[in-house]
Amino acid sequence: MLRRPLTRLVSAVAVAGTLCAAGAGAAAAAPAASWSGSSKPVPGALTNDSPAIATITFPNPIGRGVLVAWRGRGVAGHVFYKYRTNIRPHWSHIGVISGALTSSAPAIAAYTDPLGRSAVLLVWAGHADKHIWYAQGETRRDGTIGWTKPAFLPASIAFSSTFNAPAVFFPDHKNVVMVAWRGPYNHVRYSVGVPRGRGFGWAQSAVVPGTPPSPTSVHCTIAPCTSATPAITEQTTSTSTGQIFVFWKQLGTRDVFHAATADDHTTNWSH
């Protein structure tokens, strides 16, 4: 496992950059990335929280595009979404996930389901029960998305409630999904789901291990603790291997830490 404050990681990068500066004259002269100006507001998308985005793929001829999801304003907001694609550059009509109410931002990620169809997984924290809920959306040839009925992580999954938004990620080299959240006692928890049809079979939740320093006043010494939503990504190291990273803001501090685990043929995804 790898864990260290982001401040140290930035310092290491800065030192490496200084050592390489002598031979980087040509690279330094390269132009900055070219951005478009800020767009007009996404029509009808009004929220008090961060939006969630994912790539989305419809059957031909519609093809690839981008999907944005958000929660409606208010203490408890519905989960809404819109998308646009290369051949349909205008935003779609507003869609809503029936029965989804949340007080925090949703999370969304794209994958191919076991039926061979392009799909997305939308995850959110329930407003009333604080359970972690999800719905699977399957893209259709007519440009619509068919959603499954909302479900929550099974009652057998320990500590699967949160007061913050969850995070969702599909690893590059294994057909599973990781959902991470700020769990009870502020631990960084996660569960691994195996796609089954349009649903998932979920493994028991676990705590991201390690003991980064926490102020004694917050009483968090057994495992990493956070006061916000964790984040997940992967650094691919070859065509069949990678390192999955979980980042979090450490409880009681301003430090950002991370931990890593392998994504390869040796990884035991059952826990």
Protein backbone atom coordinates (compact mmCIF):
# COMPACT_ATOMS: atom_id res chain seq x y z
CA MET A 1 0.00 0.00 0.00
CA LEU A 2 1.13 3.52 -0.76
CA ARG A 3 0.10 6.55 1.22
CA ARG A 4 1.62 9.98 1.70
CA PRO A 5 0.39 13.56 1.96
CA LEU A 6 -0.24 15.31 -1.33
CA THR A 7 2.10 18.09 -0.16
CA ARG A 8 5.01 15.64 -0.19
CA LEU A 9 3.95 14.28 -3.56
CA VAL A 10 3.89 17.81 -5.00
CA SER A 11 7.31 18.55 -3.50
CA ALA A 12 8.77 15.42 -5.11
CA VAL A 13 7.35 16.41 -8.48
CA ALA A 14 8.75 19.93 -8.10
CA VAL A 15 12.25 18.59 -7.38
CA ALA A 16 12.11 16.25 -10.36
CA GLY A 17 10.97 19.12 -12.54
CA THR A 18 13.91 21.28 -11.40
CA LEU A 19 16.42 18.54 -12.22
CA CYS A 20 14.99 18.13 -15.71
CA ALA A 21 14.67 21.83 -16.46
CA ALA A 22 18.02 22.09 -18.25
CA GLY A 23 16.88 19.82 -21.04
CA ALA A 24 13.29 20.97 -21.18
CA GLY A 25 13.68 24.23 -23.13
CA ALA A 26 11.75 23.00 -26.15
CA ALA A 27 8.95 21.55 -24.01
CA ALA A 28 8.67 24.79 -22.04
CA ALA A 29 8.06 26.65 -25.27
CA ALA A 30 5.08 24.45 -26.18
CA PRO A 31 1.76 26.32 -26.27
CA ALA A 32 -0.75 25.93 -23.48
CA ALA A 33 -3.83 23.78 -24.05
CA SER A 34 -6.47 25.57 -26.07
CA TRP A 35 -9.78 25.87 -24.22
CA SER A 36 -13.06 27.10 -25.53
CA GLY A 37 -14.67 29.86 -23.57
CA SER A 38 -17.21 29.04 -20.90
CA SER A 39 -20.35 27.54 -22.39
CA LYS A 40 -23.85 28.76 -21.89
CA PRO A 41 -25.60 27.14 -18.90
CA VAL A 42 -26.82 23.60 -19.47
CA PRO A 43 -30.53 24.31 -19.99
CA GLY A 44 -32.58 23.44 -16.92
CA ALA A 45 -29.65 22.14 -14.87
CA LEU A 46 -29.96 23.85 -11.48
CA THR A 47 -28.25 22.45 -8.40
CA ASN A 48 -26.66 23.29 -5.04
CA ASP A 49 -23.96 20.61 -5.44
CA SER A 50 -21.27 19.38 -7.81
CA PRO A 51 -22.47 17.75 -11.05
CA ALA A 52 -21.30 14.29 -12.10
CA ILE A 53 -20.13 13.45 -15.62
CA ALA A 54 -19.40 10.32 -17.63
CA THR A 55 -18.85 9.32 -21.23
CA ILE A 56 -21.84 7.59 -22.75
CA THR A 57 -22.20 5.39 -25.84
CA PHE A 58 -25.43 4.78 -27.72
CA PRO A 59 -25.90 2.15 -30.43
CA ASN A 60 -25.17 3.42 -33.93
CA PRO A 61 -25.83 5.80 -35.50
CA ILE A 62 -25.98 8.00 -32.36
CA GLY A 63 -22.61 6.92 -30.99
CA ARG A 64 -20.51 8.50 -28.24
CA GLY A 65 -21.19 11.53 -26.11
CA VAL A 66 -21.15 12.94 -22.60
CA LEU A 67 -23.74 12.66 -19.82
CA VAL A 68 -24.10 15.09 -16.92
CA ALA A 69 -26.13 14.32 -13.78
CA TRP A 70 -27.05 16.53 -10.83
CA ARG A 71 -29.35 16.73 -7.85
CA GLY A 72 -32.22 19.17 -7.75
CA ARG A 73 -32.06 22.12 -5.41
CA GLY A 74 -33.45 21.93 -1.91
CA VAL A 75 -32.84 19.77 1.12
CA ALA A 76 -33.88 16.67 -0.82
CA GLY A 77 -33.47 16.82 -4.58
CA HIS A 78 -34.36 14.42 -7.37
CA VAL A 79 -31.49 13.13 -9.52
CA PHE A 80 -31.67 14.59 -13.03
CA TYR A 81 -29.53 14.08 -16.14
CA LYS A 82 -28.94 15.30 -19.69
CA TYR A 83 -26.64 14.13 -22.48
CA ARG A 84 -25.38 15.16 -25.87
CA THR A 85 -23.44 13.26 -28.56
CA ASN A 86 -21.26 13.97 -31.57
CA ILE A 87 -24.16 13.77 -34.00
CA ARG A 88 -26.64 15.30 -31.55
CA PRO A 89 -24.66 18.29 -30.21
CA HIS A 90 -27.63 19.88 -28.47
CA TRP A 91 -28.51 18.80 -24.94
CA SER A 92 -31.26 16.21 -24.60
CA HIS A 93 -34.45 16.77 -22.69
CA ILE A 94 -34.08 16.50 -18.90
CA GLY A 95 -34.32 12.97 -17.59
CA VAL A 96 -35.04 12.01 -13.99
CA ILE A 97 -34.26 8.87 -12.01
CA SER A 98 -37.63 7.84 -10.63
CA GLY A 99 -37.58 7.46 -6.85
CA ALA A 100 -34.09 8.92 -6.37
CA LEU A 101 -33.86 11.60 -3.67
CA THR A 102 -30.55 12.82 -2.28
CA SER A 103 -29.02 15.62 -0.26
CA SER A 104 -25.60 15.36 -1.91
CA ALA A 105 -24.07 15.05 -5.36
CA PRO A 106 -24.58 11.84 -7.37
CA ALA A 107 -21.73 9.90 -9.01
CA ILE A 108 -21.77 8.17 -12.38
CA ALA A 109 -19.49 5.93 -14.47
CA ALA A 110 -19.77 4.13 -17.81
CA TYR A 111 -19.14 0.44 -18.57
CA THR A 112 -20.26 -2.45 -20.80
CA ASP A 113 -22.71 -4.72 -18.99
CA PRO A 114 -22.62 -8.55 -19.16
CA LEU A 115 -25.28 -8.42 -21.87
CA GLY A 116 -22.76 -6.62 -24.08
CA ARG A 117 -24.62 -3.32 -24.00
CA SER A 118 -23.24 0.12 -23.22
CA ALA A 119 -24.45 1.29 -19.83
CA VAL A 120 -23.84 3.68 -16.96
CA LEU A 121 -24.05 3.17 -13.22
CA LEU A 122 -25.48 6.07 -11.21
CA VAL A 123 -24.87 6.08 -7.44
CA TRP A 124 -26.19 8.41 -4.72
CA ALA A 125 -26.75 8.69 -0.97
CA GLY A 126 -30.38 8.41 0.04
CA HIS A 127 -31.81 11.56 1.57
CA ALA A 128 -33.78 9.94 4.39
CA ASP A 129 -31.95 6.68 5.10
CA LYS A 130 -28.39 7.68 4.05
CA HIS A 131 -28.04 4.29 2.35
CA ILE A 132 -25.99 4.06 -0.83
CA TRP A 133 -28.41 3.69 -3.73
CA TYR A 134 -27.78 2.92 -7.39
CA ALA A 135 -29.51 2.49 -10.73
CA GLN A 136 -28.17 1.05 -13.97
CA GLY A 137 -28.93 2.85 -17.22
CA GLU A 138 -28.76 1.03 -20.54
CA THR A 139 -28.52 3.09 -23.73
CA ARG A 140 -30.98 2.47 -26.56
CA ARG A 141 -30.90 2.93 -30.31
CA ASP A 142 -33.63 5.58 -30.14
CA GLY A 143 -31.46 7.83 -27.94
CA THR A 144 -33.16 7.06 -24.64
CA ILE A 145 -31.72 5.47 -21.50
CA GLY A 146 -33.57 2.63 -19.80
CA TRP A 147 -33.03 2.67 -16.04
CA THR A 148 -33.40 -0.17 -13.59
CA LYS A 149 -35.44 0.35 -10.45
CA PRO A 150 -33.28 2.03 -7.76
CA ALA A 151 -31.70 -0.41 -5.32
CA PHE A 152 -29.39 0.02 -2.36
CA LEU A 153 -26.36 -1.93 -1.22
CA PRO A 154 -27.67 -5.05 0.57
CA ALA A 155 -28.31 -4.91 4.30
CA SER A 156 -25.55 -7.51 4.68
CA ILE A 157 -22.99 -4.88 3.60
CA ALA A 158 -21.69 -3.37 6.84
CA PHE A 159 -21.55 0.38 7.40
CA SER A 160 -23.02 1.15 3.96
CA SER A 161 -24.46 4.54 4.84
CA THR A 162 -22.96 7.98 4.39
CA PHE A 163 -23.65 11.67 4.92
CA ASN A 164 -21.61 12.60 1.84
CA ALA A 165 -21.66 11.81 -1.85
CA PRO A 166 -20.25 8.37 -2.81
CA ALA A 167 -17.67 7.78 -5.55
CA VAL A 168 -17.87 5.11 -8.28
CA PHE A 169 -15.16 3.66 -10.54
CA PHE A 170 -14.74 0.75 -12.99
CA PRO A 171 -11.13 -0.56 -13.01
CA ASP A 172 -9.35 -0.86 -16.35
CA HIS A 173 -8.37 -4.53 -16.11
CA LYS A 174 -11.19 -6.28 -14.26
CA ASN A 175 -14.91 -6.39 -14.86
CA VAL A 176 -15.91 -5.08 -11.43
CA VAL A 177 -16.98 -1.75 -9.96
CA MET A 178 -15.71 0.02 -6.85
CA VAL A 179 -17.99 2.25 -4.80
CA ALA A 180 -16.28 4.27 -2.06
CA TRP A 181 -17.75 6.51 0.62
CA ARG A 182 -17.20 8.28 3.92
CA GLY A 183 -18.48 5.64 6.28
CA PRO A 184 -19.59 5.69 9.90
CA TYR A 185 -16.76 6.71 12.23
CA ASN A 186 -15.46 8.72 9.23
CA HIS A 187 -13.50 5.81 7.79
CA VAL A 188 -12.84 5.60 4.04
CA ARG A 189 -14.85 2.52 3.05
CA TYR A 190 -15.51 0.71 -0.20
CA SER A 191 -17.37 -2.26 -1.67
CA VAL A 192 -16.64 -4.16 -4.88
CA GLY A 193 -19.52 -5.11 -7.16
CA VAL A 194 -19.51 -7.83 -9.84
CA PRO A 195 -21.86 -7.10 -12.78
CA ARG A 196 -24.65 -9.67 -13.09
CA GLY A 197 -27.03 -9.00 -15.95
CA ARG A 198 -28.11 -5.43 -15.35
CA GLY A 199 -27.46 -5.69 -11.61
CA PHE A 200 -24.51 -6.39 -9.33
CA GLY A 201 -23.38 -8.83 -6.68
CA TRP A 202 -21.70 -6.90 -3.87
CA ALA A 203 -18.79 -7.94 -1.65
CA GLN A 204 -18.61 -7.05 2.03
CA SER A 205 -17.39 -3.49 2.61
CA ALA A 206 -13.87 -2.85 3.83
CA VAL A 207 -11.84 0.06 5.17
CA VAL A 208 -8.95 1.49 3.18
CA PRO A 209 -6.07 0.42 5.47
CA GLY A 210 -3.24 2.46 6.92
CA THR A 211 -2.77 4.93 9.73
CA PRO A 212 -1.88 8.39 8.46
CA PRO A 213 -1.48 10.84 11.32
CA SER A 214 -4.64 12.44 12.65
CA PRO A 215 -5.00 15.01 15.39
CA THR A 216 -5.69 13.28 18.69
CA SER A 217 -8.80 15.41 19.07
CA VAL A 218 -10.59 13.57 16.23
CA HIS A 219 -9.99 10.07 17.69
CA CYS A 220 -9.12 8.40 14.41
CA THR A 221 -6.11 6.11 14.66
CA ILE A 222 -7.16 2.69 13.32
CA ALA A 223 -7.58 3.60 9.64
CA PRO A 224 -7.75 6.63 7.37
CA CYS A 225 -10.61 8.96 8.22
CA THR A 226 -12.15 11.70 6.14
CA SER A 227 -14.62 14.55 6.40
CA ALA A 228 -15.63 14.47 2.74
CA THR A 229 -16.14 12.29 -0.34
CA PRO A 230 -13.14 10.15 -1.39
CA ALA A 231 -12.03 9.96 -5.04
CA ILE A 232 -10.91 6.95 -7.12
CA THR A 233 -8.82 6.67 -10.29
CA GLU A 234 -6.35 4.30 -11.94
CA GLN A 235 -2.85 4.66 -13.30
CA THR A 236 -2.43 2.10 -16.07
CA THR A 237 1.09 0.63 -16.11
CA SER A 238 0.74 -1.84 -19.02
CA THR A 239 -1.89 -3.43 -21.21
CA SER A 240 -2.88 -5.74 -18.36
CA THR A 241 -1.80 -4.01 -15.14
CA GLY A 242 -2.48 -0.83 -13.23
CA GLN A 243 -2.53 0.85 -9.85
CA ILE A 244 -5.84 1.95 -8.36
CA PHE A 245 -5.62 5.07 -6.19
CA VAL A 246 -8.05 6.29 -3.56
CA PHE A 247 -7.56 9.91 -2.45
CA TRP A 248 -9.18 11.53 0.57
CA LYS A 249 -9.00 14.67 2.70
CA GLN A 250 -7.75 13.58 6.10
CA LEU A 251 -10.15 14.25 8.97
CA GLY A 252 -9.07 17.09 11.23
CA THR A 253 -6.36 18.32 8.84
CA ARG A 254 -6.01 20.04 5.48
CA ASP A 255 -3.84 17.23 4.07
CA VAL A 256 -4.80 15.07 1.10
CA PHE A 257 -3.59 11.45 1.35
CA HIS A 258 -3.82 8.50 -0.99
CA ALA A 259 -3.52 4.72 -0.90
CA ALA A 260 -2.96 2.37 -3.84
CA THR A 261 -3.58 -1.25 -4.72
CA ALA A 262 -2.74 -3.39 -7.77
CA ASP A 263 -5.15 -4.04 -10.62
CA ASP A 264 -3.75 -7.18 -12.27
CA HIS A 265 -4.21 -10.96 -12.40
CA THR A 266 -3.04 -11.34 -8.78
CA THR A 267 -5.66 -9.00 -7.32
CA ASN A 268 -8.22 -10.71 -5.10
CA TRP A 269 -11.42 -8.77 -5.86
CA SER A 270 -13.52 -10.89 -3.52
CA HIS A 271 -12.73 -8.50 -0.62
